[in-house]
Amino acid sequence: MGRFYALGPFVGRAMRAMGRSVTRRWLAPIRAARAELGLPPDGDPLFETQFSPRGTLALFSPLLGQPQPDWPPNVTVTGFAFYDRQQPEIPPPVGLEEFLDSGDPPIVFALGSAAVFVAGDFYRESIEAARLLGRRALLLIGDENVSPIPRPLPPGVGVFAYAPYSQVFPRAAANVHQGGIGTAAAAMRSARPMLVVPFSHDQPDNARRAAAALDILLSGLACLAKAGEIGQLVREEDGAEAAVRVIDAELTA
């Protein structure tokens, strides 16, 4: 969508109108729940009523964005709230630790929880990029029936359906991902360089805030140092706890 930015605000208004039309059916369960509770429809919860006069929680790091003049009133930037299904009772994917231990840190390629279903040639091109750089690669592909991988795999390439980002991102030479806010949060916390290949929604904006070229990321000491600095700051954030404090203060006021 970046090519349309130069056309001016009317493009944004047109896209907003189209978004309202496309997403209206998504909101049927919300409208049904409000009706069951005896509440009025109260506009479009995606486009009109998502900001409360009593407060709005921005569940991302202040490293990504500070409050702006056009933000709604009473916004609290809480920091990231992390969740990646890392449960002690669930063992890691078979072969993952062995792959990570068997050589240099790999480049990790991942597409989050949505773009992974429309990966196209992303993983095929990722394998080729790693080959050209002479690097190992770890691919998190979801369902291989959806994201087929060329076989046989080249040497130094590991393919897994899923692994907690907190387990693999810190052990990467660099992390390449789609730029979803949860994935970006995990990548920032990992203290490793990252490259964002945006797909949709907020991802192009997230991409513009990240590094621009994978070979520079892998060879530049400045990038490694900055990634370490960001990782330390993000690891000190607890967005969920900050959000709870804001909600509790509002309820007990």
C-alpha atoms as a PDB file:
ATOM      1  CA  MET A   1       0.000   0.000   0.000  1.00  0.00           C
ATOM      2  CA  GLY A   2       3.005   2.302   0.333  1.00  0.00           C
ATOM      3  CA  ARG A   3       2.703   3.388  -3.307  1.00  0.00           C
ATOM      4  CA  PHE A   4      -0.649   5.050  -2.547  1.00  0.00           C
ATOM      5  CA  TYR A   5       0.642   7.327   0.233  1.00  0.00           C
ATOM      6  CA  ALA A   6       1.607  10.086  -2.192  1.00  0.00           C
ATOM      7  CA  LEU A   7      -1.966  10.316  -3.543  1.00  0.00           C
ATOM      8  CA  GLY A   8      -3.169  12.113  -0.437  1.00  0.00           C
ATOM      9  CA  PRO A   9      -5.733  11.683   2.363  1.00  0.00           C
ATOM     10  CA  PHE A  10      -8.662  10.791   0.096  1.00  0.00           C
ATOM     11  CA  VAL A  11      -7.065   7.371  -0.496  1.00  0.00           C
ATOM     12  CA  GLY A  12      -7.094   6.767   3.234  1.00  0.00           C
ATOM     13  CA  ARG A  13     -10.767   7.731   3.425  1.00  0.00           C
ATOM     14  CA  ALA A  14     -11.597   5.366   0.564  1.00  0.00           C
ATOM     15  CA  MET A  15      -9.687   2.526   2.225  1.00  0.00           C
ATOM     16  CA  ARG A  16     -11.448   3.257   5.508  1.00  0.00           C
ATOM     17  CA  ALA A  17     -14.847   3.025   3.808  1.00  0.00           C
ATOM     18  CA  MET A  18     -13.880  -0.249   2.192  1.00  0.00           C
ATOM     19  CA  GLY A  19     -12.636  -1.526   5.544  1.00  0.00           C
ATOM     20  CA  ARG A  20     -15.976  -0.729   7.162  1.00  0.00           C
ATOM     21  CA  SER A  21     -17.792  -2.660   4.453  1.00  0.00           C
ATOM     22  CA  VAL A  22     -15.509  -5.704   4.584  1.00  0.00           C
ATOM     23  CA  THR A  23     -15.374  -5.968   8.376  1.00  0.00           C
ATOM     24  CA  ARG A  24     -19.026  -5.342   9.149  1.00  0.00           C
ATOM     25  CA  ARG A  25     -19.847  -9.064   9.146  1.00  0.00           C
ATOM     26  CA  TRP A  26     -16.888  -9.733  11.466  1.00  0.00           C
ATOM     27  CA  LEU A  27     -18.595  -7.673  14.160  1.00  0.00           C
ATOM     28  CA  ALA A  28     -21.867  -9.623  14.265  1.00  0.00           C
ATOM     29  CA  PRO A  29     -20.912 -11.472  17.507  1.00  0.00           C
ATOM     30  CA  ILE A  30     -20.173  -8.148  19.231  1.00  0.00           C
ATOM     31  CA  ARG A  31     -23.499  -6.676  18.153  1.00  0.00           C
ATOM     32  CA  ALA A  32     -25.274  -9.842  19.316  1.00  0.00           C
ATOM     33  CA  ALA A  33     -23.541  -9.719  22.709  1.00  0.00           C
ATOM     34  CA  ARG A  34     -24.488  -6.065  23.193  1.00  0.00           C
ATOM     35  CA  ALA A  35     -28.109  -6.819  22.299  1.00  0.00           C
ATOM     36  CA  GLU A  36     -28.179  -9.717  24.782  1.00  0.00           C
ATOM     37  CA  LEU A  37     -26.942  -7.359  27.510  1.00  0.00           C
ATOM     38  CA  GLY A  38     -29.542  -4.749  26.599  1.00  0.00           C
ATOM     39  CA  LEU A  39     -26.924  -2.329  25.281  1.00  0.00           C
ATOM     40  CA  PRO A  40     -27.399  -0.128  22.195  1.00  0.00           C
ATOM     41  CA  PRO A  41     -25.438  -0.944  19.003  1.00  0.00           C
ATOM     42  CA  ASP A  42     -23.123   2.048  19.706  1.00  0.00           C
ATOM     43  CA  GLY A  43     -21.531   2.459  16.290  1.00  0.00           C
ATOM     44  CA  ASP A  44     -18.735   0.484  14.723  1.00  0.00           C
ATOM     45  CA  PRO A  45     -16.414  -0.940  17.423  1.00  0.00           C
ATOM     46  CA  LEU A  46     -13.498  -1.195  15.001  1.00  0.00           C
ATOM     47  CA  PHE A  47     -13.654   2.298  13.546  1.00  0.00           C
ATOM     48  CA  GLU A  48     -15.600   4.514  15.959  1.00  0.00           C
ATOM     49  CA  THR A  49     -15.942   3.333  19.544  1.00  0.00           C
ATOM     50  CA  GLN A  50     -12.650   1.607  20.288  1.00  0.00           C
ATOM     51  CA  PHE A  51     -11.434   4.548  22.409  1.00  0.00           C
ATOM     52  CA  SER A  52     -12.992   5.055  25.831  1.00  0.00           C
ATOM     53  CA  PRO A  53     -13.136   8.457  27.525  1.00  0.00           C
ATOM     54  CA  ARG A  54     -12.179   6.585  30.714  1.00  0.00           C
ATOM     55  CA  GLY A  55      -8.901   5.439  29.204  1.00  0.00           C
ATOM     56  CA  THR A  56      -7.278   3.549  26.343  1.00  0.00           C
ATOM     57  CA  LEU A  57      -4.479   0.989  26.710  1.00  0.00           C
ATOM     58  CA  ALA A  58      -1.791   0.975  24.012  1.00  0.00           C
ATOM     59  CA  LEU A  59      -0.305  -2.506  24.458  1.00  0.00           C
ATOM     60  CA  PHE A  60       3.017  -1.815  22.781  1.00  0.00           C
ATOM     61  CA  SER A  61       6.437  -0.588  23.793  1.00  0.00           C
ATOM     62  CA  PRO A  62       7.123   3.141  24.079  1.00  0.00           C
ATOM     63  CA  LEU A  63      10.179   2.313  21.964  1.00  0.00           C
ATOM     64  CA  LEU A  64       7.781   1.937  19.011  1.00  0.00           C
ATOM     65  CA  GLY A  65       5.856   5.130  19.569  1.00  0.00           C
ATOM     66  CA  GLN A  66       5.364   7.898  22.094  1.00  0.00           C
ATOM     67  CA  PRO A  67       1.972   9.596  22.611  1.00  0.00           C
ATOM     68  CA  GLN A  68       1.129  11.939  19.741  1.00  0.00           C
ATOM     69  CA  PRO A  69      -1.008  15.107  19.593  1.00  0.00           C
ATOM     70  CA  ASP A  70      -3.746  13.384  17.581  1.00  0.00           C
ATOM     71  CA  TRP A  71      -4.108  10.441  19.973  1.00  0.00           C
ATOM     72  CA  PRO A  72      -7.356  10.166  21.952  1.00  0.00           C
ATOM     73  CA  PRO A  73      -7.263  11.433  25.556  1.00  0.00           C
ATOM     74  CA  ASN A  74      -6.190   9.268  28.475  1.00  0.00           C
ATOM     75  CA  VAL A  75      -3.958   6.842  26.570  1.00  0.00           C
ATOM     76  CA  THR A  76      -1.472   4.751  28.537  1.00  0.00           C
ATOM     77  CA  VAL A  77       1.394   3.092  26.646  1.00  0.00           C
ATOM     78  CA  THR A  78       1.772  -0.033  28.767  1.00  0.00           C
ATOM     79  CA  GLY A  79       4.648  -1.841  27.068  1.00  0.00           C
ATOM     80  CA  PHE A  80       4.315  -5.232  25.414  1.00  0.00           C
ATOM     81  CA  ALA A  81       2.165  -8.009  26.896  1.00  0.00           C
ATOM     82  CA  PHE A  82       3.930 -11.223  25.910  1.00  0.00           C
ATOM     83  CA  TYR A  83       2.396 -14.609  25.157  1.00  0.00           C
ATOM     84  CA  ASP A  84       3.844 -17.353  22.982  1.00  0.00           C
ATOM     85  CA  ARG A  85       2.322 -20.614  24.294  1.00  0.00           C
ATOM     86  CA  GLN A  86       5.527 -21.677  26.019  1.00  0.00           C
ATOM     87  CA  GLN A  87       4.078 -24.115  28.529  1.00  0.00           C
ATOM     88  CA  PRO A  88       6.354 -26.221  30.769  1.00  0.00           C
ATOM     89  CA  GLU A  89       4.300 -29.366  30.241  1.00  0.00           C
ATOM     90  CA  ILE A  90       4.674 -29.198  26.450  1.00  0.00           C
ATOM     91  CA  PRO A  91       8.071 -30.413  25.212  1.00  0.00           C
ATOM     92  CA  PRO A  92       9.894 -28.470  22.490  1.00  0.00           C
ATOM     93  CA  PRO A  93       9.459 -29.648  18.887  1.00  0.00           C
ATOM     94  CA  VAL A  94      11.381 -32.834  18.161  1.00  0.00           C
ATOM     95  CA  GLY A  95      14.816 -32.008  16.777  1.00  0.00           C
ATOM     96  CA  LEU A  96      14.692 -28.274  17.495  1.00  0.00           C
ATOM     97  CA  GLU A  97      17.317 -28.184  20.220  1.00  0.00           C
ATOM     98  CA  GLU A  98      19.537 -30.539  18.258  1.00  0.00           C
ATOM     99  CA  PHE A  99      19.343 -28.250  15.230  1.00  0.00           C
ATOM    100  CA  LEU A 100      20.100 -25.125  17.250  1.00  0.00           C
ATOM    101  CA  ASP A 101      23.071 -26.833  18.916  1.00  0.00           C
ATOM    102  CA  SER A 102      24.499 -28.299  15.721  1.00  0.00           C
ATOM    103  CA  GLY A 103      26.079 -25.182  14.208  1.00  0.00           C
ATOM    104  CA  ASP A 104      26.261 -21.410  14.046  1.00  0.00           C
ATOM    105  CA  PRO A 105      23.176 -19.391  15.023  1.00  0.00           C
ATOM    106  CA  PRO A 106      20.684 -19.605  12.140  1.00  0.00           C
ATOM    107  CA  ILE A 107      18.639 -16.893  10.512  1.00  0.00           C
ATOM    108  CA  VAL A 108      15.101 -17.488  11.788  1.00  0.00           C
ATOM    109  CA  PHE A 109      12.279 -16.940   9.290  1.00  0.00           C
ATOM    110  CA  ALA A 110       8.717 -16.715  10.667  1.00  0.00           C
ATOM    111  CA  LEU A 111       5.359 -15.293   9.569  1.00  0.00           C
ATOM    112  CA  GLY A 112       3.398 -15.059  12.796  1.00  0.00           C
ATOM    113  CA  SER A 113      -0.141 -16.363  13.225  1.00  0.00           C
ATOM    114  CA  ALA A 114      -1.863 -14.954  10.099  1.00  0.00           C
ATOM    115  CA  ALA A 115       0.534 -14.311   7.211  1.00  0.00           C
ATOM    116  CA  VAL A 116       1.805 -17.879   7.621  1.00  0.00           C
ATOM    117  CA  PHE A 117      -1.400 -19.021   5.874  1.00  0.00           C
ATOM    118  CA  VAL A 118      -0.598 -16.995   2.748  1.00  0.00           C
ATOM    119  CA  ALA A 119       3.170 -17.366   2.697  1.00  0.00           C
ATOM    120  CA  GLY A 120       3.518 -17.630  -1.070  1.00  0.00           C
ATOM    121  CA  ASP A 121       7.218 -17.986  -1.930  1.00  0.00           C
ATOM    122  CA  PHE A 122       8.436 -16.501   1.342  1.00  0.00           C
ATOM    123  CA  TYR A 123       9.986 -19.699   2.684  1.00  0.00           C
ATOM    124  CA  ARG A 124      11.413 -20.799  -0.649  1.00  0.00           C
ATOM    125  CA  GLU A 125      13.062 -17.389  -1.046  1.00  0.00           C
ATOM    126  CA  SER A 126      14.220 -17.492   2.567  1.00  0.00           C
ATOM    127  CA  ILE A 127      16.086 -20.729   1.929  1.00  0.00           C
ATOM    128  CA  GLU A 128      17.738 -19.170  -1.123  1.00  0.00           C
ATOM    129  CA  ALA A 129      18.671 -16.011   0.799  1.00  0.00           C
ATOM    130  CA  ALA A 130      20.343 -18.078   3.512  1.00  0.00           C
ATOM    131  CA  ARG A 131      22.188 -20.092   0.871  1.00  0.00           C
ATOM    132  CA  LEU A 132      23.506 -16.952  -0.817  1.00  0.00           C
ATOM    133  CA  LEU A 133      24.709 -15.637   2.541  1.00  0.00           C
ATOM    134  CA  GLY A 134      26.279 -18.946   3.506  1.00  0.00           C
ATOM    135  CA  ARG A 135      24.126 -19.051   6.653  1.00  0.00           C
ATOM    136  CA  ARG A 136      22.031 -21.668   8.365  1.00  0.00           C
ATOM    137  CA  ALA A 137      18.272 -21.092   8.390  1.00  0.00           C
ATOM    138  CA  LEU A 138      15.446 -22.087  10.725  1.00  0.00           C
ATOM    139  CA  LEU A 139      11.940 -21.841   9.220  1.00  0.00           C
ATOM    140  CA  LEU A 140       8.737 -21.798  11.294  1.00  0.00           C
ATOM    141  CA  ILE A 141       6.109 -22.635   8.701  1.00  0.00           C
ATOM    142  CA  GLY A 142       2.899 -23.689  10.457  1.00  0.00           C
ATOM    143  CA  ASP A 143       1.047 -26.308   8.406  1.00  0.00           C
ATOM    144  CA  GLU A 144       3.271 -27.587   5.603  1.00  0.00           C
ATOM    145  CA  ASN A 145       0.145 -28.416   3.597  1.00  0.00           C
ATOM    146  CA  VAL A 146      -0.419 -24.652   3.470  1.00  0.00           C
ATOM    147  CA  SER A 147       3.229 -23.605   3.147  1.00  0.00           C
ATOM    148  CA  PRO A 148       4.956 -26.358   1.136  1.00  0.00           C
ATOM    149  CA  ILE A 149       8.743 -26.464   1.406  1.00  0.00           C
ATOM    150  CA  PRO A 150      11.026 -27.697  -1.393  1.00  0.00           C
ATOM    151  CA  ARG A 151      12.508 -31.099  -0.608  1.00  0.00           C
ATOM    152  CA  PRO A 152      15.101 -32.327   0.016  1.00  0.00           C
ATOM    153  CA  LEU A 153      16.188 -29.542   2.328  1.00  0.00           C
ATOM    154  CA  PRO A 154      19.596 -28.003   1.704  1.00  0.00           C
ATOM    155  CA  PRO A 155      22.243 -28.583   4.392  1.00  0.00           C
ATOM    156  CA  GLY A 156      21.894 -26.255   7.346  1.00  0.00           C
ATOM    157  CA  VAL A 157      18.145 -25.672   6.960  1.00  0.00           C
ATOM    158  CA  GLY A 158      15.733 -26.696   9.709  1.00  0.00           C
ATOM    159  CA  VAL A 159      11.959 -26.650   9.236  1.00  0.00           C
ATOM    160  CA  PHE A 160       9.480 -26.779  12.115  1.00  0.00           C
ATOM    161  CA  ALA A 161       5.752 -26.173  12.315  1.00  0.00           C
ATOM    162  CA  TYR A 162       5.949 -24.132  15.524  1.00  0.00           C
ATOM    163  CA  ALA A 163       8.313 -23.145  18.297  1.00  0.00           C
ATOM    164  CA  PRO A 164       7.898 -20.492  21.001  1.00  0.00           C
ATOM    165  CA  TYR A 165       9.599 -17.335  19.803  1.00  0.00           C
ATOM    166  CA  SER A 166      11.114 -16.876  23.241  1.00  0.00           C
ATOM    167  CA  GLN A 167      12.938 -20.149  22.676  1.00  0.00           C
ATOM    168  CA  VAL A 168      14.335 -19.558  19.186  1.00  0.00           C
ATOM    169  CA  PHE A 169      14.596 -15.794  18.588  1.00  0.00           C
ATOM    170  CA  PRO A 170      17.357 -15.194  21.166  1.00  0.00           C
ATOM    171  CA  ARG A 171      19.454 -17.942  19.524  1.00  0.00           C
ATOM    172  CA  ALA A 172      19.205 -16.480  16.006  1.00  0.00           C
ATOM    173  CA  ALA A 173      21.823 -14.655  13.990  1.00  0.00           C
ATOM    174  CA  ALA A 174      18.894 -12.461  12.911  1.00  0.00           C
ATOM    175  CA  ASN A 175      15.122 -12.790  12.883  1.00  0.00           C
ATOM    176  CA  VAL A 176      13.136 -12.216   9.688  1.00  0.00           C
ATOM    177  CA  HIS A 177       9.383 -11.870  10.128  1.00  0.00           C
ATOM    178  CA  GLN A 178       6.205 -10.223   8.876  1.00  0.00           C
ATOM    179  CA  GLY A 179       6.114  -7.426  11.431  1.00  0.00           C
ATOM    180  CA  GLY A 180       2.992  -8.347  13.380  1.00  0.00           C
ATOM    181  CA  ILE A 181       3.096  -6.580  16.712  1.00  0.00           C
ATOM    182  CA  GLY A 182       3.404  -9.781  18.770  1.00  0.00           C
ATOM    183  CA  THR A 183       6.183 -11.139  16.582  1.00  0.00           C
ATOM    184  CA  ALA A 184       7.963  -7.784  16.554  1.00  0.00           C
ATOM    185  CA  ALA A 185       7.730  -7.646  20.341  1.00  0.00           C
ATOM    186  CA  ALA A 186       9.320 -11.080  20.680  1.00  0.00           C
ATOM    187  CA  ALA A 187      12.035 -10.128  18.206  1.00  0.00           C
ATOM    188  CA  MET A 188      12.813  -6.904  20.039  1.00  0.00           C
ATOM    189  CA  ARG A 189      12.967  -8.727  23.364  1.00  0.00           C
ATOM    190  CA  SER A 190      15.357 -11.314  21.912  1.00  0.00           C
ATOM    191  CA  ALA A 191      18.151  -8.716  21.578  1.00  0.00           C
ATOM    192  CA  ARG A 192      18.957  -9.991  18.083  1.00  0.00           C
ATOM    193  CA  PRO A 193      18.830  -7.964  14.840  1.00  0.00           C
ATOM    194  CA  MET A 194      15.593  -8.245  12.888  1.00  0.00           C
ATOM    195  CA  LEU A 195      14.386  -7.650   9.352  1.00  0.00           C
ATOM    196  CA  VAL A 196      10.672  -7.021   8.763  1.00  0.00           C
ATOM    197  CA  VAL A 197       9.007  -8.159   5.531  1.00  0.00           C
ATOM    198  CA  PRO A 198       5.545  -6.585   5.972  1.00  0.00           C
ATOM    199  CA  PHE A 199       2.312  -8.213   4.879  1.00  0.00           C
ATOM    200  CA  SER A 200      -0.669  -6.091   6.027  1.00  0.00           C
ATOM    201  CA  HIS A 201      -2.319  -4.001   8.752  1.00  0.00           C
ATOM    202  CA  ASP A 202       0.265  -2.260  10.984  1.00  0.00           C
ATOM    203  CA  GLN A 203       3.120  -4.332   9.597  1.00  0.00           C
ATOM    204  CA  PRO A 204       4.378  -1.827   6.960  1.00  0.00           C
ATOM    205  CA  ASP A 205       4.603   0.803   9.688  1.00  0.00           C
ATOM    206  CA  ASN A 206       6.418  -1.635  11.984  1.00  0.00           C
ATOM    207  CA  ALA A 207       8.760  -2.462   9.107  1.00  0.00           C
ATOM    208  CA  ARG A 208       9.729   1.164   8.594  1.00  0.00           C
ATOM    209  CA  ARG A 209      10.854   1.245  12.225  1.00  0.00           C
ATOM    210  CA  ALA A 210      13.192  -1.748  11.831  1.00  0.00           C
ATOM    211  CA  ALA A 211      16.489  -2.368  10.008  1.00  0.00           C
ATOM    212  CA  ALA A 212      16.604  -2.322   6.227  1.00  0.00           C
ATOM    213  CA  ALA A 213      18.992  -4.965   4.897  1.00  0.00           C
ATOM    214  CA  LEU A 214      19.782  -8.460   6.125  1.00  0.00           C
ATOM    215  CA  ASP A 215      23.446  -8.551   5.157  1.00  0.00           C
ATOM    216  CA  ILE A 216      24.067  -5.303   7.062  1.00  0.00           C
ATOM    217  CA  LEU A 217      22.255  -6.716  10.075  1.00  0.00           C
ATOM    218  CA  LEU A 218      24.421  -9.797  10.105  1.00  0.00           C
ATOM    219  CA  SER A 219      27.742  -7.988   9.768  1.00  0.00           C
ATOM    220  CA  GLY A 220      27.260  -4.643  11.492  1.00  0.00           C
ATOM    221  CA  LEU A 221      28.411  -4.349  15.100  1.00  0.00           C
ATOM    222  CA  ALA A 222      26.258  -1.242  15.505  1.00  0.00           C
ATOM    223  CA  CYS A 223      23.111  -3.255  14.733  1.00  0.00           C
ATOM    224  CA  LEU A 224      24.069  -5.945  17.223  1.00  0.00           C
ATOM    225  CA  ALA A 225      24.746  -3.355  19.898  1.00  0.00           C
ATOM    226  CA  LYS A 226      21.449  -1.559  19.283  1.00  0.00           C
ATOM    227  CA  ALA A 227      19.543  -4.872  19.289  1.00  0.00           C
ATOM    228  CA  GLY A 228      21.087  -5.698  22.653  1.00  0.00           C
ATOM    229  CA  GLU A 229      20.134  -2.297  24.041  1.00  0.00           C
ATOM    230  CA  ILE A 230      16.545  -2.619  22.812  1.00  0.00           C
ATOM    231  CA  GLY A 231      16.297  -6.175  24.127  1.00  0.00           C
ATOM    232  CA  GLN A 232      17.301  -5.081  27.611  1.00  0.00           C
ATOM    233  CA  LEU A 233      14.732  -2.280  27.639  1.00  0.00           C
ATOM    234  CA  VAL A 234      11.907  -4.480  26.341  1.00  0.00           C
ATOM    235  CA  ARG A 235      12.671  -7.274  28.811  1.00  0.00           C
ATOM    236  CA  GLU A 236      12.039  -4.751  31.584  1.00  0.00           C
ATOM    237  CA  GLU A 237       8.507  -4.081  30.285  1.00  0.00           C
ATOM    238  CA  ASP A 238       5.403  -5.842  31.593  1.00  0.00           C
ATOM    239  CA  GLY A 239       2.491  -4.573  29.567  1.00  0.00           C
ATOM    240  CA  ALA A 240      -0.038  -6.903  31.181  1.00  0.00           C
ATOM    241  CA  GLU A 241       0.823  -5.729  34.702  1.00  0.00           C
ATOM    242  CA  ALA A 242       0.775  -2.083  33.621  1.00  0.00           C
ATOM    243  CA  ALA A 243      -2.637  -2.571  32.004  1.00  0.00           C
ATOM    244  CA  VAL A 244      -4.006  -4.194  35.167  1.00  0.00           C
ATOM    245  CA  ARG A 245      -2.800  -1.264  37.262  1.00  0.00           C
ATOM    246  CA  VAL A 246      -4.558   1.227  34.960  1.00  0.00           C
ATOM    247  CA  ILE A 247      -7.818  -0.766  34.959  1.00  0.00           C
ATOM    248  CA  ASP A 248      -7.709  -1.256  38.734  1.00  0.00           C
ATOM    249  CA  ALA A 249      -7.126   2.457  39.327  1.00  0.00           C
ATOM    250  CA  GLU A 250     -10.089   3.341  37.117  1.00  0.00           C
ATOM    251  CA  LEU A 251     -12.414   0.825  38.814  1.00  0.00           C
ATOM    252  CA  THR A 252     -11.488   1.940  42.326  1.00  0.00           C
ATOM    253  CA  ALA A 253     -11.484   5.681  41.612  1.00  0.00           C
END
